[in-house]
Amino acid sequence: MTTTLTPTGLFADATRLLRVALRLDSVVTGANGVLYLALAGPLEDLLGLNPGIARGIGAFLLVYAVAVWLVSVPARPGRMAVTAVVETNLLWTVLSIATVIFGWFSLTTVGATWAVFQAVTVAGFAVLQYTALRRTR
């Protein structure tokens, strides 16, 4: 007797998984953007991030979150749009790690840890989105 493992629930439908991954990315990114905007001053002491830079990052994250949500709206998200999201997430990951390695922005230890945590989280979104996109073929 042969037993075949098949995906169930959310993982059974690659398109549904892709849309959920995009929307989760959008919500987390949007929340992060709001926090950067609302707490730019206090974050300077905690993360070592200049308030002006924090506000710029927050604004970018809000715009990006809306764009990612819009990519998730169609019943079958466009391959090129999803690929752009994955590539942008990977670029964010690389830049976050580079920021820590090269000492850009003079982050505190907490700030460097936060940057690495964000990089790992965003890379996780990219992997999930890419995997789901490949399964939609």
N, C-alpha and C. Protein backbone atom coordinates (compact mmCIF):
# COMPACT_ATOMS: atom_id res chain seq x y z
N MET A 1 0.83 -1.16 0.00
CA MET A 1 0.00 0.00 0.00
C MET A 1 0.89 1.24 0.00
N THR A 2 0.59 2.17 -0.90
CA THR A 2 1.36 3.40 -1.03
C THR A 2 0.57 4.55 -0.44
N THR A 3 1.23 5.32 0.37
CA THR A 3 0.60 6.49 0.96
C THR A 3 1.18 7.72 0.29
N THR A 4 0.30 8.57 -0.22
CA THR A 4 0.73 9.81 -0.86
C THR A 4 0.31 10.97 0.01
N LEU A 5 1.28 11.79 0.32
CA LEU A 5 0.98 12.99 1.10
C LEU A 5 0.55 14.09 0.15
N THR A 6 -0.60 14.67 0.39
CA THR A 6 -1.06 15.78 -0.41
C THR A 6 -1.31 16.97 0.49
N PRO A 7 -1.05 18.15 -0.03
CA PRO A 7 -1.28 19.35 0.78
C PRO A 7 -2.76 19.48 1.13
N THR A 8 -3.02 20.02 2.28
CA THR A 8 -4.40 20.24 2.70
C THR A 8 -4.59 21.69 3.12
N GLY A 9 -5.82 22.10 3.19
CA GLY A 9 -6.15 23.44 3.66
C GLY A 9 -5.55 24.51 2.79
N LEU A 10 -4.95 25.49 3.43
CA LEU A 10 -4.37 26.64 2.74
C LEU A 10 -3.32 26.21 1.72
N PHE A 11 -2.57 25.15 2.01
CA PHE A 11 -1.49 24.74 1.13
C PHE A 11 -1.96 23.94 -0.07
N ALA A 12 -3.22 23.55 -0.11
CA ALA A 12 -3.75 22.77 -1.23
C ALA A 12 -3.97 23.64 -2.46
N ASP A 13 -4.25 24.90 -2.27
CA ASP A 13 -4.53 25.81 -3.38
C ASP A 13 -3.42 26.85 -3.45
N ALA A 14 -2.54 26.69 -4.42
CA ALA A 14 -1.37 27.57 -4.52
C ALA A 14 -1.76 29.03 -4.73
N THR A 15 -2.81 29.27 -5.51
CA THR A 15 -3.23 30.65 -5.74
C THR A 15 -3.74 31.28 -4.45
N ARG A 16 -4.49 30.53 -3.69
CA ARG A 16 -4.98 31.04 -2.40
C ARG A 16 -3.80 31.31 -1.46
N LEU A 17 -2.86 30.39 -1.41
CA LEU A 17 -1.67 30.57 -0.58
C LEU A 17 -0.91 31.83 -1.00
N LEU A 18 -0.78 32.04 -2.30
CA LEU A 18 -0.07 33.22 -2.81
C LEU A 18 -0.78 34.50 -2.37
N ARG A 19 -2.09 34.53 -2.52
CA ARG A 19 -2.85 35.73 -2.12
C ARG A 19 -2.74 35.98 -0.62
N VAL A 20 -2.79 34.93 0.18
CA VAL A 20 -2.65 35.08 1.64
C VAL A 20 -1.24 35.57 1.99
N ALA A 21 -0.23 35.02 1.33
CA ALA A 21 1.16 35.44 1.60
C ALA A 21 1.36 36.91 1.25
N LEU A 22 0.79 37.33 0.14
CA LEU A 22 0.89 38.74 -0.26
C LEU A 22 0.17 39.64 0.74
N ARG A 23 -1.01 39.23 1.15
CA ARG A 23 -1.79 40.06 2.08
C ARG A 23 -1.14 40.11 3.46
N LEU A 24 -0.58 39.01 3.90
CA LEU A 24 0.11 39.00 5.19
C LEU A 24 1.32 39.95 5.12
N ASP A 25 2.06 39.88 4.03
CA ASP A 25 3.19 40.78 3.81
C ASP A 25 2.70 42.23 3.85
N SER A 26 1.61 42.51 3.17
CA SER A 26 1.07 43.86 3.12
C SER A 26 0.68 44.38 4.51
N VAL A 27 0.00 43.56 5.28
CA VAL A 27 -0.44 43.98 6.61
C VAL A 27 0.75 44.21 7.54
N VAL A 28 1.70 43.29 7.54
CA VAL A 28 2.88 43.44 8.41
C VAL A 28 3.70 44.67 7.98
N THR A 29 3.87 44.83 6.69
CA THR A 29 4.63 45.97 6.17
C THR A 29 3.92 47.28 6.50
N GLY A 30 2.61 47.33 6.32
CA GLY A 30 1.85 48.53 6.62
C GLY A 30 1.92 48.89 8.10
N ALA A 31 1.80 47.89 8.96
CA ALA A 31 1.88 48.14 10.41
C ALA A 31 3.27 48.67 10.77
N ASN A 32 4.29 48.09 10.16
CA ASN A 32 5.66 48.54 10.39
C ASN A 32 5.82 49.99 9.93
N GLY A 33 5.25 50.32 8.78
CA GLY A 33 5.32 51.68 8.26
C GLY A 33 4.65 52.69 9.19
N VAL A 34 3.48 52.32 9.71
CA VAL A 34 2.77 53.20 10.65
C VAL A 34 3.61 53.43 11.89
N LEU A 35 4.23 52.37 12.40
CA LEU A 35 5.07 52.50 13.60
C LEU A 35 6.27 53.41 13.34
N TYR A 36 6.91 53.26 12.19
CA TYR A 36 8.04 54.13 11.86
C TYR A 36 7.60 55.59 11.79
N LEU A 37 6.43 55.84 11.21
CA LEU A 37 5.95 57.21 11.11
C LEU A 37 5.54 57.78 12.48
N ALA A 38 4.78 56.99 13.23
CA ALA A 38 4.23 57.48 14.49
C ALA A 38 5.27 57.58 15.60
N LEU A 39 6.28 56.73 15.54
CA LEU A 39 7.26 56.66 16.63
C LEU A 39 8.66 57.06 16.20
N ALA A 40 8.76 57.88 15.16
CA ALA A 40 10.08 58.24 14.63
C ALA A 40 10.99 58.83 15.70
N GLY A 41 10.46 59.68 16.54
CA GLY A 41 11.27 60.29 17.61
C GLY A 41 11.77 59.28 18.62
N PRO A 42 10.86 58.55 19.28
CA PRO A 42 11.31 57.55 20.26
C PRO A 42 12.20 56.45 19.66
N LEU A 43 12.00 56.14 18.39
CA LEU A 43 12.82 55.10 17.77
C LEU A 43 14.27 55.53 17.61
N GLU A 44 14.50 56.84 17.61
CA GLU A 44 15.88 57.31 17.47
C GLU A 44 16.74 56.79 18.62
N ASP A 45 16.23 56.92 19.84
CA ASP A 45 16.99 56.44 21.00
C ASP A 45 17.09 54.92 21.03
N LEU A 46 16.00 54.26 20.69
CA LEU A 46 15.98 52.79 20.77
C LEU A 46 16.80 52.14 19.66
N LEU A 47 16.60 52.59 18.42
CA LEU A 47 17.24 51.94 17.27
C LEU A 47 18.48 52.66 16.75
N GLY A 48 18.61 53.95 17.12
CA GLY A 48 19.72 54.72 16.58
C GLY A 48 19.42 55.23 15.19
N LEU A 49 18.14 55.33 14.85
CA LEU A 49 17.71 55.73 13.51
C LEU A 49 17.22 57.17 13.54
N ASN A 50 17.81 58.02 12.74
CA ASN A 50 17.41 59.42 12.63
C ASN A 50 15.91 59.51 12.34
N PRO A 51 15.17 60.40 13.03
CA PRO A 51 13.72 60.50 12.81
C PRO A 51 13.33 60.79 11.36
N GLY A 52 14.11 61.59 10.67
CA GLY A 52 13.81 61.87 9.26
C GLY A 52 13.91 60.61 8.40
N ILE A 53 14.93 59.83 8.66
CA ILE A 53 15.11 58.57 7.92
C ILE A 53 13.99 57.60 8.29
N ALA A 54 13.64 57.55 9.58
CA ALA A 54 12.56 56.66 10.02
C ALA A 54 11.25 57.03 9.34
N ARG A 55 10.97 58.33 9.23
CA ARG A 55 9.73 58.77 8.56
C ARG A 55 9.77 58.41 7.07
N GLY A 56 10.92 58.57 6.45
CA GLY A 56 11.05 58.20 5.04
C GLY A 56 10.82 56.71 4.83
N ILE A 57 11.40 55.90 5.71
CA ILE A 57 11.20 54.45 5.63
C ILE A 57 9.73 54.13 5.87
N GLY A 58 9.11 54.78 6.86
CA GLY A 58 7.70 54.55 7.16
C GLY A 58 6.81 54.88 5.97
N ALA A 59 7.06 56.01 5.33
CA ALA A 59 6.26 56.40 4.16
C ALA A 59 6.44 55.39 3.03
N PHE A 60 7.68 55.00 2.78
CA PHE A 60 7.93 53.98 1.74
C PHE A 60 7.18 52.70 2.06
N LEU A 61 7.26 52.25 3.31
CA LEU A 61 6.61 50.99 3.69
C LEU A 61 5.10 51.06 3.51
N LEU A 62 4.49 52.21 3.81
CA LEU A 62 3.04 52.34 3.62
C LEU A 62 2.66 52.26 2.15
N VAL A 63 3.42 52.94 1.31
CA VAL A 63 3.15 52.89 -0.13
C VAL A 63 3.36 51.47 -0.65
N TYR A 64 4.43 50.85 -0.22
CA TYR A 64 4.73 49.48 -0.65
C TYR A 64 3.64 48.51 -0.17
N ALA A 65 3.17 48.69 1.05
CA ALA A 65 2.11 47.81 1.58
C ALA A 65 0.85 47.90 0.72
N VAL A 66 0.49 49.11 0.33
CA VAL A 66 -0.68 49.28 -0.54
C VAL A 66 -0.45 48.59 -1.88
N ALA A 67 0.74 48.75 -2.44
CA ALA A 67 1.06 48.12 -3.73
C ALA A 67 0.99 46.60 -3.63
N VAL A 68 1.52 46.03 -2.56
CA VAL A 68 1.49 44.58 -2.38
C VAL A 68 0.04 44.11 -2.24
N TRP A 69 -0.76 44.86 -1.49
CA TRP A 69 -2.18 44.48 -1.34
C TRP A 69 -2.86 44.48 -2.70
N LEU A 70 -2.59 45.51 -3.51
CA LEU A 70 -3.21 45.58 -4.83
C LEU A 70 -2.79 44.41 -5.72
N VAL A 71 -1.56 43.95 -5.57
CA VAL A 71 -1.11 42.78 -6.33
C VAL A 71 -1.92 41.55 -5.93
N SER A 72 -2.35 41.48 -4.67
CA SER A 72 -3.08 40.31 -4.16
C SER A 72 -4.56 40.30 -4.53
N VAL A 73 -5.09 41.40 -5.05
CA VAL A 73 -6.53 41.53 -5.27
C VAL A 73 -7.08 40.61 -6.38
N PRO A 74 -6.45 40.51 -7.53
CA PRO A 74 -7.03 39.66 -8.58
C PRO A 74 -7.14 38.19 -8.14
N ALA A 75 -8.11 37.49 -8.69
CA ALA A 75 -8.28 36.07 -8.36
C ALA A 75 -7.00 35.29 -8.62
N ARG A 76 -6.27 35.66 -9.65
CA ARG A 76 -4.96 35.08 -9.95
C ARG A 76 -3.96 36.24 -10.08
N PRO A 77 -3.21 36.52 -9.03
CA PRO A 77 -2.25 37.63 -9.10
C PRO A 77 -1.29 37.47 -10.27
N GLY A 78 -0.97 38.59 -10.92
CA GLY A 78 -0.09 38.56 -12.08
C GLY A 78 1.31 38.10 -11.73
N ARG A 79 1.85 37.25 -12.58
CA ARG A 79 3.18 36.68 -12.33
C ARG A 79 4.26 37.77 -12.26
N MET A 80 4.20 38.72 -13.18
CA MET A 80 5.22 39.78 -13.19
C MET A 80 5.12 40.64 -11.93
N ALA A 81 3.91 40.95 -11.51
CA ALA A 81 3.72 41.77 -10.31
C ALA A 81 4.22 41.03 -9.07
N VAL A 82 3.90 39.74 -8.98
CA VAL A 82 4.36 38.96 -7.83
C VAL A 82 5.88 38.83 -7.86
N THR A 83 6.44 38.64 -9.03
CA THR A 83 7.89 38.56 -9.15
C THR A 83 8.54 39.87 -8.69
N ALA A 84 7.93 41.00 -9.02
CA ALA A 84 8.44 42.30 -8.57
C ALA A 84 8.39 42.40 -7.04
N VAL A 85 7.32 41.89 -6.44
CA VAL A 85 7.22 41.90 -4.98
C VAL A 85 8.31 41.03 -4.37
N VAL A 86 8.49 39.84 -4.91
CA VAL A 86 9.53 38.93 -4.39
C VAL A 86 10.90 39.58 -4.52
N GLU A 87 11.19 40.16 -5.67
CA GLU A 87 12.50 40.78 -5.88
C GLU A 87 12.70 41.99 -4.97
N THR A 88 11.65 42.78 -4.76
CA THR A 88 11.75 43.92 -3.85
C THR A 88 11.99 43.45 -2.42
N ASN A 89 11.30 42.38 -2.03
CA ASN A 89 11.53 41.82 -0.69
C ASN A 89 12.97 41.33 -0.54
N LEU A 90 13.50 40.70 -1.57
CA LEU A 90 14.88 40.23 -1.50
C LEU A 90 15.86 41.41 -1.44
N LEU A 91 15.56 42.47 -2.18
CA LEU A 91 16.40 43.67 -2.14
C LEU A 91 16.37 44.29 -0.74
N TRP A 92 15.18 44.36 -0.14
CA TRP A 92 15.06 44.88 1.23
C TRP A 92 15.91 44.03 2.19
N THR A 93 15.87 42.72 2.00
CA THR A 93 16.63 41.81 2.85
C THR A 93 18.12 42.10 2.74
N VAL A 94 18.61 42.20 1.53
CA VAL A 94 20.04 42.46 1.29
C VAL A 94 20.44 43.81 1.87
N LEU A 95 19.62 44.84 1.63
CA LEU A 95 19.95 46.17 2.13
C LEU A 95 19.91 46.23 3.65
N SER A 96 19.00 45.50 4.27
CA SER A 96 18.93 45.47 5.74
C SER A 96 20.19 44.84 6.33
N ILE A 97 20.63 43.74 5.74
CA ILE A 97 21.85 43.08 6.21
C ILE A 97 23.07 43.97 5.94
N ALA A 98 23.11 44.59 4.76
CA ALA A 98 24.22 45.48 4.43
C ALA A 98 24.28 46.66 5.40
N THR A 99 23.11 47.17 5.79
CA THR A 99 23.07 48.28 6.75
C THR A 99 23.76 47.90 8.05
N VAL A 100 23.54 46.68 8.49
CA VAL A 100 24.17 46.22 9.73
C VAL A 100 25.66 45.99 9.52
N ILE A 101 26.01 45.30 8.45
CA ILE A 101 27.42 44.96 8.20
C ILE A 101 28.28 46.20 8.00
N PHE A 102 27.78 47.16 7.23
CA PHE A 102 28.58 48.34 6.90
C PHE A 102 28.36 49.52 7.86
N GLY A 103 27.49 49.34 8.84
CA GLY A 103 27.29 50.38 9.85
C GLY A 103 26.56 51.61 9.35
N TRP A 104 25.76 51.46 8.30
CA TRP A 104 24.97 52.59 7.82
C TRP A 104 23.97 52.99 8.89
N PHE A 105 23.70 54.24 9.04
CA PHE A 105 22.73 54.82 9.97
C PHE A 105 23.16 54.72 11.43
N SER A 106 24.30 54.20 11.75
CA SER A 106 24.78 54.12 13.14
C SER A 106 23.75 53.51 14.08
N LEU A 107 23.24 52.35 13.73
CA LEU A 107 22.22 51.69 14.54
C LEU A 107 22.78 51.24 15.88
N THR A 108 21.93 51.25 16.89
CA THR A 108 22.29 50.68 18.19
C THR A 108 22.28 49.16 18.06
N THR A 109 22.65 48.48 19.11
CA THR A 109 22.59 47.01 19.10
C THR A 109 21.14 46.55 18.88
N VAL A 110 20.21 47.23 19.54
CA VAL A 110 18.78 46.89 19.34
C VAL A 110 18.38 47.17 17.89
N GLY A 111 18.85 48.29 17.35
CA GLY A 111 18.55 48.64 15.96
C GLY A 111 19.10 47.62 14.97
N ALA A 112 20.32 47.17 15.20
CA ALA A 112 20.93 46.17 14.32
C ALA A 112 20.17 44.84 14.43
N THR A 113 19.79 44.49 15.65
CA THR A 113 19.01 43.26 15.84
C THR A 113 17.67 43.37 15.13
N TRP A 114 17.03 44.53 15.25
CA TRP A 114 15.74 44.76 14.58
C TRP A 114 15.90 44.67 13.07
N ALA A 115 16.98 45.23 12.52
CA ALA A 115 17.21 45.17 11.07
C ALA A 115 17.38 43.73 10.60
N VAL A 116 18.11 42.93 11.36
CA VAL A 116 18.30 41.52 10.99
C VAL A 116 16.97 40.77 11.12
N PHE A 117 16.21 41.03 12.17
CA PHE A 117 14.89 40.40 12.33
C PHE A 117 13.99 40.74 11.15
N GLN A 118 13.98 42.01 10.76
CA GLN A 118 13.17 42.42 9.60
C GLN A 118 13.65 41.70 8.34
N ALA A 119 14.95 41.61 8.17
CA ALA A 119 15.50 40.96 6.98
C ALA A 119 15.05 39.50 6.91
N VAL A 120 15.11 38.81 8.02
CA VAL A 120 14.69 37.40 8.05
C VAL A 120 13.19 37.28 7.76
N THR A 121 12.40 38.17 8.35
CA THR A 121 10.95 38.15 8.13
C THR A 121 10.61 38.41 6.67
N VAL A 122 11.22 39.43 6.09
CA VAL A 122 10.95 39.79 4.69
C VAL A 122 11.45 38.69 3.75
N ALA A 123 12.59 38.09 4.06
CA ALA A 123 13.07 36.97 3.25
C ALA A 123 12.08 35.80 3.33
N GLY A 124 11.50 35.59 4.51
CA GLY A 124 10.49 34.54 4.67
C GLY A 124 9.28 34.80 3.78
N PHE A 125 8.83 36.06 3.72
CA PHE A 125 7.72 36.41 2.83
C PHE A 125 8.11 36.12 1.38
N ALA A 126 9.32 36.50 1.00
CA ALA A 126 9.77 36.29 -0.38
C ALA A 126 9.78 34.81 -0.74
N VAL A 127 10.29 33.98 0.15
CA VAL A 127 10.35 32.53 -0.09
C VAL A 127 8.94 31.96 -0.22
N LEU A 128 8.06 32.34 0.69
CA LEU A 128 6.68 31.85 0.65
C LEU A 128 5.98 32.30 -0.63
N GLN A 129 6.15 33.55 -1.00
CA GLN A 129 5.52 34.07 -2.22
C GLN A 129 6.09 33.39 -3.47
N TYR A 130 7.39 33.22 -3.52
CA TYR A 130 8.02 32.57 -4.67
C TYR A 130 7.57 31.12 -4.78
N THR A 131 7.54 30.43 -3.67
CA THR A 131 7.11 29.02 -3.67
C THR A 131 5.67 28.89 -4.14
N ALA A 132 4.81 29.74 -3.61
CA ALA A 132 3.40 29.70 -4.04
C ALA A 132 3.26 30.06 -5.50
N LEU A 133 4.01 31.06 -5.96
CA LEU A 133 3.97 31.46 -7.37
C LEU A 133 4.37 30.30 -8.27
N ARG A 134 5.43 29.60 -7.90
CA ARG A 134 5.88 28.46 -8.72
C ARG A 134 4.82 27.36 -8.77
N ARG A 135 4.11 27.16 -7.66
CA ARG A 135 3.09 26.12 -7.61
C ARG A 135 1.84 26.49 -8.40
N THR A 136 1.69 27.75 -8.79
CA THR A 136 0.50 28.17 -9.55
C THR A 136 0.62 27.85 -11.04
N ARG A 137 1.77 27.39 -11.46
CA ARG A 137 1.97 27.09 -12.90
C ARG A 137 1.06 25.99 -13.37
